[in-house]
Amino acid sequence: MKPLADCKLYTFVDTAYLRGRAPELVAQQLCDGGSDLIQLRAKDSPHDEIRRMAEKILPVTRGANVGLVINDCLGIAREVGAEFCHLGQEDFFDAGYTHVGQLKIQNEKLKIGLSTHAPAQAQKAIDADADYIAIGPVFATGTKPGARPVTLEYVRWAAANVTVPWFAIGGIHLQTLDDVLAAGARRICVVSAVLNAPDAAKACAEFRRRLDS
């Protein structure tokens, strides 16, 4: 896969939005549309089911030179050999971790991404040596209905202060993308705007075109 710093489009196989579609087929569409990273997020699925989905998706992403991110489940990321694991504040700092090196003892190649919702959290994640951070939710989003939007102000702060790769996330669709890019984002995460589109590959390709231009 391309270097993390060169990754721009981060998409999701989120079980909440699959509507009966096979995860690996959705992953193929996301790859075909130009995704650089794909996260498997299955909040309500049992461990064994998540592992089975990951095992089916990984050959698809590997074949397209796209990085696979496992959400929350560090053990599954290790078991299947995914390139990344993404953790929330509660799964990392609240669990007693202070440095991502603590999670890489069994696999030093595994990269760790951390969610952040404010400048102080971003700085703490950077100090913990996160490989990348997520900045959001920028706008209100059904993916995280209880989360308070961080607004474009946080995006502007990140553009001015964060030197590790960072991705804006939350409520980003084609109508809000220009505002997010104008605020300084160069990398974005997109969930529902792609997974709810009639053609996921086509939706991805349009985000890709806008990001590249």
N, C-alpha and C. Protein backbone atom coordinates (compact mmCIF):
# COMPACT_ATOMS: atom_id res chain seq x y z
N MET A 1 0.84 -1.19 0.00
CA MET A 1 0.00 0.00 0.00
C MET A 1 0.88 1.25 0.00
N LYS A 2 0.28 2.35 -0.41
CA LYS A 2 1.04 3.61 -0.46
C LYS A 2 1.34 4.10 0.95
N PRO A 3 2.35 4.95 1.11
CA PRO A 3 2.64 5.49 2.43
C PRO A 3 1.42 6.20 3.03
N LEU A 4 1.29 6.11 4.33
CA LEU A 4 0.14 6.70 5.02
C LEU A 4 0.01 8.18 4.71
N ALA A 5 1.11 8.87 4.61
CA ALA A 5 1.07 10.31 4.33
C ALA A 5 0.45 10.62 2.98
N ASP A 6 0.48 9.65 2.06
CA ASP A 6 -0.07 9.85 0.72
C ASP A 6 -1.52 9.38 0.62
N CYS A 7 -2.07 8.82 1.70
CA CYS A 7 -3.46 8.34 1.69
C CYS A 7 -4.41 9.53 1.88
N LYS A 8 -5.42 9.60 1.06
CA LYS A 8 -6.38 10.71 1.13
C LYS A 8 -7.81 10.25 1.44
N LEU A 9 -8.20 9.12 0.84
CA LEU A 9 -9.60 8.68 0.94
C LEU A 9 -9.70 7.42 1.79
N TYR A 10 -10.39 7.56 2.91
CA TYR A 10 -10.51 6.51 3.93
C TYR A 10 -12.00 6.18 4.00
N THR A 11 -12.36 4.97 3.62
CA THR A 11 -13.77 4.57 3.58
C THR A 11 -14.01 3.39 4.52
N PHE A 12 -15.25 2.96 4.59
CA PHE A 12 -15.63 1.99 5.61
C PHE A 12 -16.50 0.86 5.05
N VAL A 13 -16.27 -0.33 5.56
CA VAL A 13 -17.25 -1.41 5.49
C VAL A 13 -17.88 -1.44 6.88
N ASP A 14 -18.99 -0.75 7.01
CA ASP A 14 -19.68 -0.61 8.29
C ASP A 14 -20.94 -1.46 8.24
N THR A 15 -21.02 -2.44 9.13
CA THR A 15 -22.15 -3.38 9.08
C THR A 15 -23.49 -2.70 9.27
N ALA A 16 -23.50 -1.52 9.88
CA ALA A 16 -24.75 -0.79 10.08
C ALA A 16 -25.34 -0.30 8.75
N TYR A 17 -24.53 -0.28 7.70
CA TYR A 17 -24.97 0.27 6.41
C TYR A 17 -24.91 -0.76 5.27
N LEU A 18 -24.68 -2.02 5.59
CA LEU A 18 -24.50 -3.01 4.50
C LEU A 18 -25.82 -3.43 3.85
N ARG A 19 -26.89 -3.45 4.64
CA ARG A 19 -28.21 -3.84 4.11
C ARG A 19 -28.15 -5.13 3.30
N GLY A 20 -27.55 -6.15 3.89
CA GLY A 20 -27.53 -7.47 3.27
C GLY A 20 -26.40 -7.71 2.29
N ARG A 21 -25.63 -6.68 1.98
CA ARG A 21 -24.53 -6.86 1.04
C ARG A 21 -23.36 -7.58 1.71
N ALA A 22 -22.66 -8.38 0.95
CA ALA A 22 -21.50 -9.10 1.48
C ALA A 22 -20.37 -8.10 1.74
N PRO A 23 -19.76 -8.14 2.92
CA PRO A 23 -18.70 -7.18 3.25
C PRO A 23 -17.56 -7.16 2.23
N GLU A 24 -17.16 -8.33 1.76
CA GLU A 24 -16.03 -8.37 0.82
C GLU A 24 -16.38 -7.77 -0.53
N LEU A 25 -17.65 -7.85 -0.93
CA LEU A 25 -18.06 -7.24 -2.20
C LEU A 25 -18.10 -5.72 -2.08
N VAL A 26 -18.55 -5.24 -0.94
CA VAL A 26 -18.52 -3.80 -0.70
C VAL A 26 -17.08 -3.30 -0.66
N ALA A 27 -16.21 -4.07 -0.03
CA ALA A 27 -14.79 -3.70 0.02
C ALA A 27 -14.21 -3.60 -1.39
N GLN A 28 -14.61 -4.52 -2.26
CA GLN A 28 -14.12 -4.47 -3.64
C GLN A 28 -14.59 -3.19 -4.34
N GLN A 29 -15.84 -2.81 -4.10
CA GLN A 29 -16.35 -1.57 -4.69
C GLN A 29 -15.58 -0.36 -4.19
N LEU A 30 -15.27 -0.35 -2.89
CA LEU A 30 -14.52 0.76 -2.31
C LEU A 30 -13.11 0.83 -2.90
N CYS A 31 -12.51 -0.33 -3.11
CA CYS A 31 -11.19 -0.37 -3.76
C CYS A 31 -11.29 0.12 -5.19
N ASP A 32 -12.31 -0.34 -5.90
CA ASP A 32 -12.48 0.06 -7.30
C ASP A 32 -12.69 1.57 -7.43
N GLY A 33 -13.29 2.16 -6.39
CA GLY A 33 -13.57 3.59 -6.43
C GLY A 33 -12.40 4.48 -6.05
N GLY A 34 -11.30 3.86 -5.61
CA GLY A 34 -10.12 4.65 -5.32
C GLY A 34 -9.81 4.89 -3.86
N SER A 35 -10.35 4.06 -2.97
CA SER A 35 -10.04 4.19 -1.55
C SER A 35 -8.56 3.88 -1.30
N ASP A 36 -7.98 4.57 -0.34
CA ASP A 36 -6.62 4.29 0.09
C ASP A 36 -6.60 3.40 1.33
N LEU A 37 -7.59 3.59 2.19
CA LEU A 37 -7.73 2.81 3.42
C LEU A 37 -9.19 2.41 3.55
N ILE A 38 -9.43 1.21 4.09
CA ILE A 38 -10.80 0.77 4.35
C ILE A 38 -10.86 0.22 5.76
N GLN A 39 -11.80 0.75 6.54
CA GLN A 39 -11.98 0.26 7.90
C GLN A 39 -13.16 -0.70 7.98
N LEU A 40 -12.95 -1.82 8.64
CA LEU A 40 -14.04 -2.73 8.98
C LEU A 40 -14.56 -2.32 10.35
N ARG A 41 -15.81 -1.85 10.36
CA ARG A 41 -16.43 -1.44 11.62
C ARG A 41 -17.71 -2.24 11.80
N ALA A 42 -17.74 -3.05 12.86
CA ALA A 42 -18.88 -3.93 13.11
C ALA A 42 -19.20 -3.87 14.60
N LYS A 43 -19.78 -2.76 15.01
CA LYS A 43 -19.97 -2.46 16.43
C LYS A 43 -20.76 -3.52 17.18
N ASP A 44 -21.76 -4.11 16.52
CA ASP A 44 -22.66 -5.02 17.23
C ASP A 44 -22.44 -6.49 16.88
N SER A 45 -21.33 -6.79 16.22
CA SER A 45 -21.07 -8.17 15.80
C SER A 45 -20.15 -8.88 16.79
N PRO A 46 -20.37 -10.20 16.97
CA PRO A 46 -19.47 -10.95 17.86
C PRO A 46 -18.07 -11.08 17.27
N HIS A 47 -17.12 -11.32 18.14
CA HIS A 47 -15.71 -11.38 17.78
C HIS A 47 -15.45 -12.33 16.60
N ASP A 48 -16.02 -13.54 16.66
CA ASP A 48 -15.77 -14.53 15.61
C ASP A 48 -16.29 -14.06 14.26
N GLU A 49 -17.43 -13.39 14.27
CA GLU A 49 -18.00 -12.90 13.01
C GLU A 49 -17.13 -11.78 12.42
N ILE A 50 -16.64 -10.90 13.27
CA ILE A 50 -15.76 -9.83 12.79
C ILE A 50 -14.50 -10.44 12.18
N ARG A 51 -13.94 -11.44 12.84
CA ARG A 51 -12.74 -12.08 12.30
C ARG A 51 -13.01 -12.72 10.95
N ARG A 52 -14.15 -13.38 10.82
CA ARG A 52 -14.49 -14.00 9.52
C ARG A 52 -14.62 -12.95 8.43
N MET A 53 -15.27 -11.83 8.76
CA MET A 53 -15.41 -10.75 7.77
C MET A 53 -14.03 -10.21 7.38
N ALA A 54 -13.19 -10.01 8.38
CA ALA A 54 -11.84 -9.48 8.12
C ALA A 54 -11.05 -10.43 7.22
N GLU A 55 -11.20 -11.72 7.46
CA GLU A 55 -10.46 -12.71 6.66
C GLU A 55 -10.93 -12.72 5.21
N LYS A 56 -12.19 -12.36 4.98
CA LYS A 56 -12.70 -12.29 3.60
C LYS A 56 -12.33 -10.97 2.92
N ILE A 57 -12.25 -9.91 3.71
CA ILE A 57 -11.94 -8.60 3.14
C ILE A 57 -10.45 -8.45 2.84
N LEU A 58 -9.60 -9.01 3.68
CA LEU A 58 -8.16 -8.79 3.55
C LEU A 58 -7.59 -9.16 2.18
N PRO A 59 -7.97 -10.30 1.57
CA PRO A 59 -7.45 -10.58 0.23
C PRO A 59 -7.86 -9.54 -0.81
N VAL A 60 -9.04 -8.95 -0.61
CA VAL A 60 -9.53 -7.91 -1.54
C VAL A 60 -8.67 -6.66 -1.41
N THR A 61 -8.47 -6.21 -0.18
CA THR A 61 -7.68 -4.99 0.02
C THR A 61 -6.22 -5.21 -0.37
N ARG A 62 -5.67 -6.37 -0.03
CA ARG A 62 -4.28 -6.65 -0.38
C ARG A 62 -4.10 -6.64 -1.90
N GLY A 63 -5.07 -7.21 -2.60
CA GLY A 63 -4.99 -7.27 -4.05
C GLY A 63 -5.03 -5.90 -4.71
N ALA A 64 -5.61 -4.93 -3.98
CA ALA A 64 -5.72 -3.57 -4.51
C ALA A 64 -4.69 -2.62 -3.89
N ASN A 65 -3.79 -3.16 -3.07
CA ASN A 65 -2.80 -2.34 -2.36
C ASN A 65 -3.45 -1.27 -1.48
N VAL A 66 -4.55 -1.66 -0.85
CA VAL A 66 -5.30 -0.78 0.05
C VAL A 66 -5.11 -1.29 1.47
N GLY A 67 -4.89 -0.38 2.43
CA GLY A 67 -4.72 -0.78 3.82
C GLY A 67 -6.04 -1.15 4.47
N LEU A 68 -6.04 -2.22 5.26
CA LEU A 68 -7.23 -2.62 6.01
C LEU A 68 -7.08 -2.19 7.46
N VAL A 69 -8.09 -1.48 7.95
CA VAL A 69 -8.13 -1.00 9.33
C VAL A 69 -9.21 -1.79 10.07
N ILE A 70 -8.88 -2.36 11.20
CA ILE A 70 -9.87 -3.03 12.04
C ILE A 70 -10.26 -2.07 13.16
N ASN A 71 -11.53 -1.81 13.31
CA ASN A 71 -12.00 -0.89 14.35
C ASN A 71 -12.08 -1.61 15.70
N ASP A 72 -11.48 -1.00 16.70
CA ASP A 72 -11.59 -1.42 18.11
C ASP A 72 -10.88 -2.74 18.45
N CYS A 73 -10.98 -3.74 17.59
CA CYS A 73 -10.57 -5.11 17.95
C CYS A 73 -9.09 -5.34 17.64
N LEU A 74 -8.25 -5.01 18.59
CA LEU A 74 -6.81 -5.15 18.41
C LEU A 74 -6.41 -6.60 18.17
N GLY A 75 -7.04 -7.51 18.91
CA GLY A 75 -6.72 -8.93 18.75
C GLY A 75 -6.99 -9.43 17.36
N ILE A 76 -8.10 -8.99 16.76
CA ILE A 76 -8.44 -9.43 15.41
C ILE A 76 -7.46 -8.85 14.40
N ALA A 77 -7.09 -7.59 14.58
CA ALA A 77 -6.10 -6.99 13.68
C ALA A 77 -4.81 -7.80 13.70
N ARG A 78 -4.38 -8.24 14.87
CA ARG A 78 -3.18 -9.07 14.99
C ARG A 78 -3.39 -10.44 14.36
N GLU A 79 -4.54 -11.06 14.65
CA GLU A 79 -4.81 -12.43 14.18
C GLU A 79 -4.81 -12.53 12.67
N VAL A 80 -5.45 -11.57 12.00
CA VAL A 80 -5.61 -11.68 10.54
C VAL A 80 -4.47 -11.01 9.79
N GLY A 81 -3.65 -10.21 10.50
CA GLY A 81 -2.56 -9.54 9.82
C GLY A 81 -2.95 -8.25 9.13
N ALA A 82 -3.98 -7.56 9.64
CA ALA A 82 -4.37 -6.27 9.08
C ALA A 82 -3.25 -5.25 9.31
N GLU A 83 -3.22 -4.26 8.45
CA GLU A 83 -2.16 -3.25 8.56
C GLU A 83 -2.40 -2.24 9.68
N PHE A 84 -3.68 -2.03 10.04
CA PHE A 84 -4.03 -0.98 11.01
C PHE A 84 -5.07 -1.48 12.01
N CYS A 85 -5.05 -0.83 13.18
CA CYS A 85 -6.17 -0.93 14.12
C CYS A 85 -6.52 0.49 14.54
N HIS A 86 -7.81 0.81 14.59
CA HIS A 86 -8.26 2.13 15.00
C HIS A 86 -8.96 2.03 16.35
N LEU A 87 -8.59 2.92 17.26
CA LEU A 87 -9.13 2.90 18.61
C LEU A 87 -9.67 4.27 19.01
N GLY A 88 -10.74 4.25 19.79
CA GLY A 88 -11.29 5.48 20.34
C GLY A 88 -10.54 5.86 21.60
N GLN A 89 -10.83 7.04 22.10
CA GLN A 89 -10.20 7.50 23.34
C GLN A 89 -10.42 6.50 24.48
N GLU A 90 -11.65 5.99 24.57
CA GLU A 90 -11.98 5.09 25.67
C GLU A 90 -11.27 3.74 25.55
N ASP A 91 -10.95 3.35 24.31
CA ASP A 91 -10.30 2.05 24.09
C ASP A 91 -8.79 2.13 24.26
N PHE A 92 -8.27 3.35 24.29
CA PHE A 92 -6.82 3.51 24.41
C PHE A 92 -6.46 4.16 25.75
N PHE A 93 -6.70 5.45 25.88
CA PHE A 93 -6.30 6.14 27.10
C PHE A 93 -7.09 5.66 28.32
N ASP A 94 -8.40 5.49 28.16
CA ASP A 94 -9.21 5.05 29.29
C ASP A 94 -8.91 3.62 29.69
N ALA A 95 -8.28 2.87 28.76
CA ALA A 95 -7.90 1.49 29.05
C ALA A 95 -6.51 1.41 29.69
N GLY A 96 -5.89 2.58 29.89
CA GLY A 96 -4.62 2.62 30.59
C GLY A 96 -3.39 2.70 29.72
N TYR A 97 -3.57 2.77 28.40
CA TYR A 97 -2.42 2.88 27.51
C TYR A 97 -1.95 4.34 27.43
N THR A 98 -0.66 4.51 27.24
CA THR A 98 -0.10 5.85 27.12
C THR A 98 0.73 6.02 25.84
N HIS A 99 1.10 4.90 25.20
CA HIS A 99 1.94 4.95 24.01
C HIS A 99 1.57 3.79 23.10
N VAL A 100 1.47 4.06 21.80
CA VAL A 100 1.04 2.99 20.88
C VAL A 100 2.04 1.85 20.84
N GLY A 101 3.28 2.11 21.24
CA GLY A 101 4.27 1.04 21.29
C GLY A 101 3.85 -0.10 22.20
N GLN A 102 2.99 0.20 23.18
CA GLN A 102 2.48 -0.84 24.09
C GLN A 102 1.60 -1.84 23.35
N LEU A 103 1.04 -1.43 22.21
CA LEU A 103 0.16 -2.31 21.43
C LEU A 103 0.91 -3.02 20.31
N LYS A 104 2.16 -2.64 20.10
CA LYS A 104 2.92 -3.18 18.97
C LYS A 104 3.94 -4.23 19.38
N ILE A 105 3.88 -4.65 20.64
CA ILE A 105 4.87 -5.61 21.14
C ILE A 105 4.81 -6.91 20.34
N GLN A 106 3.61 -7.37 20.01
CA GLN A 106 3.46 -8.62 19.27
C GLN A 106 3.56 -8.43 17.75
N ASN A 107 3.44 -7.18 17.29
CA ASN A 107 3.50 -6.92 15.86
C ASN A 107 3.92 -5.48 15.65
N GLU A 108 5.20 -5.27 15.47
CA GLU A 108 5.70 -3.90 15.39
C GLU A 108 5.29 -3.21 14.09
N LYS A 109 4.82 -4.00 13.09
CA LYS A 109 4.39 -3.40 11.83
C LYS A 109 2.97 -2.85 11.90
N LEU A 110 2.20 -3.28 12.90
CA LEU A 110 0.81 -2.82 13.04
C LEU A 110 0.78 -1.33 13.33
N LYS A 111 -0.01 -0.61 12.55
CA LYS A 111 -0.14 0.83 12.75
C LYS A 111 -1.42 1.12 13.53
N ILE A 112 -1.36 2.14 14.38
CA ILE A 112 -2.47 2.47 15.26
C ILE A 112 -2.99 3.87 14.97
N GLY A 113 -4.30 3.97 14.73
CA GLY A 113 -4.97 5.26 14.58
C GLY A 113 -5.82 5.54 15.81
N LEU A 114 -5.92 6.79 16.19
CA LEU A 114 -6.71 7.17 17.36
C LEU A 114 -7.72 8.26 17.02
N SER A 115 -8.91 8.14 17.55
CA SER A 115 -9.93 9.17 17.40
C SER A 115 -9.63 10.33 18.34
N THR A 116 -9.89 11.56 17.87
CA THR A 116 -9.75 12.74 18.72
C THR A 116 -10.91 13.69 18.45
N HIS A 117 -11.30 14.41 19.49
CA HIS A 117 -12.47 15.29 19.39
C HIS A 117 -12.17 16.72 19.85
N ALA A 118 -10.91 17.00 20.15
CA ALA A 118 -10.52 18.33 20.62
C ALA A 118 -9.00 18.45 20.52
N PRO A 119 -8.48 19.67 20.46
CA PRO A 119 -7.04 19.86 20.36
C PRO A 119 -6.24 19.15 21.45
N ALA A 120 -6.72 19.17 22.68
CA ALA A 120 -5.99 18.52 23.77
C ALA A 120 -5.88 17.02 23.53
N GLN A 121 -6.95 16.41 23.01
CA GLN A 121 -6.91 14.98 22.70
C GLN A 121 -5.97 14.70 21.54
N ALA A 122 -5.95 15.59 20.56
CA ALA A 122 -5.05 15.41 19.43
C ALA A 122 -3.60 15.44 19.90
N GLN A 123 -3.28 16.41 20.76
CA GLN A 123 -1.91 16.51 21.26
C GLN A 123 -1.52 15.28 22.07
N LYS A 124 -2.47 14.78 22.85
CA LYS A 124 -2.21 13.59 23.66
C LYS A 124 -1.97 12.38 22.75
N ALA A 125 -2.75 12.27 21.65
CA ALA A 125 -2.58 11.16 20.71
C ALA A 125 -1.24 11.26 19.98
N ILE A 126 -0.85 12.48 19.64
CA ILE A 126 0.45 12.69 18.98
C ILE A 126 1.58 12.31 19.94
N ASP A 127 1.46 12.71 21.19
CA ASP A 127 2.47 12.38 22.20
C ASP A 127 2.54 10.87 22.42
N ALA A 128 1.42 10.19 22.20
CA ALA A 128 1.39 8.73 22.32
C ALA A 128 1.94 8.04 21.08
N ASP A 129 2.35 8.83 20.09
CA ASP A 129 2.98 8.34 18.87
C ASP A 129 2.00 7.60 17.95
N ALA A 130 0.75 8.06 17.93
CA ALA A 130 -0.23 7.47 17.01
C ALA A 130 0.27 7.63 15.57
N ASP A 131 0.02 6.61 14.75
CA ASP A 131 0.44 6.67 13.35
C ASP A 131 -0.40 7.66 12.56
N TYR A 132 -1.68 7.79 12.94
CA TYR A 132 -2.54 8.82 12.37
C TYR A 132 -3.61 9.14 13.39
N ILE A 133 -4.28 10.28 13.22
CA ILE A 133 -5.41 10.60 14.09
C ILE A 133 -6.61 11.00 13.25
N ALA A 134 -7.78 10.77 13.81
CA ALA A 134 -9.04 11.21 13.19
C ALA A 134 -9.51 12.46 13.91
N ILE A 135 -10.01 13.40 13.15
CA ILE A 135 -10.46 14.71 13.65
C ILE A 135 -11.97 14.79 13.42
N GLY A 136 -12.76 14.73 14.50
CA GLY A 136 -14.19 14.78 14.26
C GLY A 136 -15.03 14.40 15.48
N PRO A 137 -16.33 14.26 15.27
CA PRO A 137 -17.05 14.44 14.01
C PRO A 137 -17.18 15.92 13.62
N VAL A 138 -16.81 16.23 12.40
CA VAL A 138 -16.84 17.62 11.94
C VAL A 138 -18.27 18.15 11.95
N PHE A 139 -19.19 17.35 11.42
CA PHE A 139 -20.61 17.71 11.37
C PHE A 139 -21.41 16.63 12.10
N ALA A 140 -22.66 16.93 12.39
CA ALA A 140 -23.54 15.91 12.98
C ALA A 140 -23.64 14.73 12.02
N THR A 141 -23.65 13.53 12.58
CA THR A 141 -23.67 12.34 11.74
C THR A 141 -24.48 11.23 12.39
N GLY A 142 -25.23 10.50 11.59
CA GLY A 142 -25.98 9.35 12.08
C GLY A 142 -25.09 8.22 12.53
N THR A 143 -23.85 8.22 12.08
CA THR A 143 -22.91 7.18 12.48
C THR A 143 -22.59 7.29 13.97
N LYS A 144 -22.54 8.53 14.47
CA LYS A 144 -22.29 8.78 15.90
C LYS A 144 -23.34 9.76 16.39
N PRO A 145 -24.60 9.30 16.55
CA PRO A 145 -25.71 10.22 16.83
C PRO A 145 -25.56 11.01 18.13
N GLY A 146 -24.83 10.48 19.10
CA GLY A 146 -24.70 11.18 20.37
C GLY A 146 -23.50 12.10 20.45
N ALA A 147 -22.71 12.12 19.39
CA ALA A 147 -21.47 12.90 19.42
C ALA A 147 -21.71 14.35 19.02
N ARG A 148 -21.11 15.24 19.77
CA ARG A 148 -21.25 16.67 19.48
C ARG A 148 -20.27 17.06 18.36
N PRO A 149 -20.73 17.73 17.32
CA PRO A 149 -19.82 18.12 16.23
C PRO A 149 -18.69 19.02 16.72
N VAL A 150 -17.49 18.76 16.19
CA VAL A 150 -16.33 19.57 16.56
C VAL A 150 -16.22 20.81 15.69
N THR A 151 -16.96 20.86 14.62
CA THR A 151 -17.05 21.96 13.66
C THR A 151 -15.75 22.13 12.87
N LEU A 152 -15.81 23.03 11.90
CA LEU A 152 -14.64 23.29 11.06
C LEU A 152 -13.52 23.98 11.82
N GLU A 153 -13.81 24.53 12.99
CA GLU A 153 -12.77 25.17 13.79
C GLU A 153 -11.68 24.17 14.17
N TYR A 154 -12.09 22.96 14.51
CA TYR A 154 -11.10 21.94 14.88
C TYR A 154 -10.30 21.51 13.65
N VAL A 155 -10.95 21.47 12.50
CA VAL A 155 -10.23 21.16 11.26
C VAL A 155 -9.16 22.23 11.00
N ARG A 156 -9.54 23.48 11.17
CA ARG A 156 -8.57 24.57 10.96
C ARG A 156 -7.41 24.47 11.94
N TRP A 157 -7.73 24.14 13.18
CA TRP A 157 -6.68 23.98 14.19
C TRP A 157 -5.72 22.85 13.78
N ALA A 158 -6.30 21.73 13.33
CA ALA A 158 -5.47 20.59 12.93
C ALA A 158 -4.57 20.96 11.75
N ALA A 159 -5.13 21.68 10.80
CA ALA A 159 -4.35 22.08 9.62
C ALA A 159 -3.15 22.94 10.02
N ALA A 160 -3.30 23.71 11.07
CA ALA A 160 -2.23 24.61 11.50
C ALA A 160 -1.25 23.96 12.47
N ASN A 161 -1.68 22.88 13.13
CA ASN A 161 -0.88 22.38 14.26
C ASN A 161 -0.47 20.92 14.21
N VAL A 162 -1.16 20.10 13.42
CA VAL A 162 -0.90 18.65 13.46
C VAL A 162 0.02 18.26 12.30
N THR A 163 1.10 17.59 12.64
CA THR A 163 2.08 17.20 11.61
C THR A 163 2.00 15.73 11.23
N VAL A 164 1.39 14.88 12.08
CA VAL A 164 1.19 13.48 11.68
C VAL A 164 -0.01 13.42 10.73
N PRO A 165 -0.13 12.36 9.92
CA PRO A 165 -1.31 12.26 9.05
C PRO A 165 -2.60 12.32 9.86
N TRP A 166 -3.55 13.12 9.38
CA TRP A 166 -4.85 13.21 10.07
C TRP A 166 -5.97 13.24 9.05
N PHE A 167 -7.10 12.70 9.47
CA PHE A 167 -8.27 12.56 8.60
C PHE A 167 -9.46 13.23 9.25
N ALA A 168 -10.13 14.10 8.50
CA ALA A 168 -11.38 14.69 8.97
C ALA A 168 -12.49 13.66 8.78
N ILE A 169 -13.37 13.54 9.76
CA ILE A 169 -14.44 12.54 9.72
C ILE A 169 -15.71 13.11 10.32
N GLY A 170 -16.85 12.63 9.83
CA GLY A 170 -18.12 12.96 10.45
C GLY A 170 -19.00 13.86 9.62
N GLY A 171 -20.02 13.29 8.99
CA GLY A 171 -20.98 14.08 8.23
C GLY A 171 -20.42 14.68 6.94
N ILE A 172 -19.31 14.12 6.46
CA ILE A 172 -18.72 14.66 5.23
C ILE A 172 -19.37 14.00 4.02
N HIS A 173 -19.94 14.84 3.15
CA HIS A 173 -20.50 14.34 1.89
C HIS A 173 -20.11 15.33 0.80
N LEU A 174 -20.55 15.10 -0.40
CA LEU A 174 -20.08 15.92 -1.52
C LEU A 174 -20.48 17.39 -1.37
N GLN A 175 -21.58 17.64 -0.64
CA GLN A 175 -22.03 19.02 -0.47
C GLN A 175 -21.22 19.77 0.59
N THR A 176 -20.61 19.04 1.52
CA THR A 176 -19.82 19.68 2.58
C THR A 176 -18.32 19.57 2.34
N LEU A 177 -17.93 18.77 1.35
CA LEU A 177 -16.51 18.49 1.14
C LEU A 177 -15.69 19.75 0.89
N ASP A 178 -16.20 20.66 0.06
CA ASP A 178 -15.43 21.86 -0.26
C ASP A 178 -15.13 22.68 1.00
N ASP A 179 -16.09 22.76 1.93
CA ASP A 179 -15.86 23.50 3.17
C ASP A 179 -14.78 22.84 4.01
N VAL A 180 -14.78 21.52 4.03
CA VAL A 180 -13.78 20.78 4.80
C VAL A 180 -12.39 20.97 4.20
N LEU A 181 -12.31 20.93 2.88
CA LEU A 181 -11.03 21.14 2.21
C LEU A 181 -10.56 22.59 2.38
N ALA A 182 -11.49 23.52 2.32
CA ALA A 182 -11.13 24.93 2.50
C ALA A 182 -10.61 25.20 3.91
N ALA A 183 -11.06 24.40 4.87
CA ALA A 183 -10.59 24.53 6.25
C ALA A 183 -9.20 23.94 6.45
N GLY A 184 -8.70 23.24 5.43
CA GLY A 184 -7.33 22.74 5.50
C GLY A 184 -7.17 21.24 5.48
N ALA A 185 -8.28 20.49 5.45
CA ALA A 185 -8.16 19.03 5.41
C ALA A 185 -7.65 18.58 4.04
N ARG A 186 -6.82 17.56 4.04
CA ARG A 186 -6.34 16.95 2.81
C ARG A 186 -6.64 15.46 2.76
N ARG A 187 -7.14 14.96 3.89
CA ARG A 187 -7.51 13.55 4.00
C ARG A 187 -8.87 13.47 4.68
N ILE A 188 -9.73 12.61 4.18
CA ILE A 188 -11.07 12.52 4.76
C ILE A 188 -11.50 11.07 4.95
N CYS A 189 -12.37 10.86 5.92
CA CYS A 189 -13.08 9.60 6.11
C CYS A 189 -14.52 9.80 5.67
N VAL A 190 -15.05 8.85 4.92
CA VAL A 190 -16.44 8.93 4.46
C VAL A 190 -17.12 7.60 4.74
N VAL A 191 -18.27 7.66 5.36
CA VAL A 191 -19.01 6.44 5.68
C VAL A 191 -20.33 6.41 4.90
N SER A 192 -21.35 7.07 5.42
CA SER A 192 -22.70 6.93 4.85
C SER A 192 -22.81 7.52 3.45
N ALA A 193 -22.05 8.58 3.16
CA ALA A 193 -22.15 9.21 1.84
C ALA A 193 -21.74 8.26 0.73
N VAL A 194 -20.93 7.27 1.06
CA VAL A 194 -20.56 6.25 0.08
C VAL A 194 -21.44 5.01 0.22
N LEU A 195 -21.63 4.52 1.45
CA LEU A 195 -22.36 3.27 1.65
C LEU A 195 -23.86 3.40 1.36
N ASN A 196 -24.41 4.61 1.46
CA ASN A 196 -25.82 4.81 1.14
C ASN A 196 -26.04 5.21 -0.31
N ALA A 197 -24.97 5.39 -1.06
CA ALA A 197 -25.10 5.77 -2.47
C ALA A 197 -25.56 4.57 -3.30
N PRO A 198 -26.28 4.82 -4.40
CA PRO A 198 -26.72 3.71 -5.26
C PRO A 198 -25.56 2.89 -5.80
N ASP A 199 -24.42 3.52 -6.03
CA ASP A 199 -23.23 2.86 -6.56
C ASP A 199 -22.04 3.30 -5.72
N ALA A 200 -21.58 2.42 -4.81
CA ALA A 200 -20.52 2.79 -3.88
C ALA A 200 -19.22 3.12 -4.61
N ALA A 201 -18.89 2.36 -5.64
CA ALA A 201 -17.66 2.60 -6.39
C ALA A 201 -17.69 3.97 -7.07
N LYS A 202 -18.83 4.30 -7.65
CA LYS A 202 -18.98 5.59 -8.33
C LYS A 202 -18.90 6.74 -7.33
N ALA A 203 -19.54 6.56 -6.16
CA ALA A 203 -19.50 7.60 -5.13
C ALA A 203 -18.06 7.82 -4.65
N CYS A 204 -17.35 6.71 -4.43
CA CYS A 204 -15.94 6.79 -4.03
C CYS A 204 -15.13 7.55 -5.07
N ALA A 205 -15.35 7.21 -6.33
CA ALA A 205 -14.57 7.81 -7.41
C ALA A 205 -14.78 9.33 -7.47
N GLU A 206 -15.99 9.77 -7.14
CA GLU A 206 -16.25 11.23 -7.16
C GLU A 206 -15.51 11.92 -6.01
N PHE A 207 -15.52 11.31 -4.83
CA PHE A 207 -14.73 11.87 -3.73
C PHE A 207 -13.24 11.90 -4.10
N ARG A 208 -12.78 10.81 -4.71
CA ARG A 208 -11.39 10.72 -5.11
C ARG A 208 -11.03 11.83 -6.10
N ARG A 209 -11.90 12.05 -7.06
CA ARG A 209 -11.65 13.08 -8.07
C ARG A 209 -11.55 14.46 -7.42
N ARG A 210 -12.47 14.71 -6.48
CA ARG A 210 -12.49 16.02 -5.82
C ARG A 210 -11.24 16.20 -4.94
N LEU A 211 -10.81 15.15 -4.27
CA LEU A 211 -9.63 15.23 -3.43
C LEU A 211 -8.38 15.44 -4.26
N ASP A 212 -8.30 14.78 -5.39
CA ASP A 212 -7.11 14.87 -6.24
C ASP A 212 -7.01 16.19 -7.00
N SER A 213 -8.17 16.86 -7.14
CA SER A 213 -8.15 18.11 -7.89
C SER A 213 -7.87 19.31 -6.98
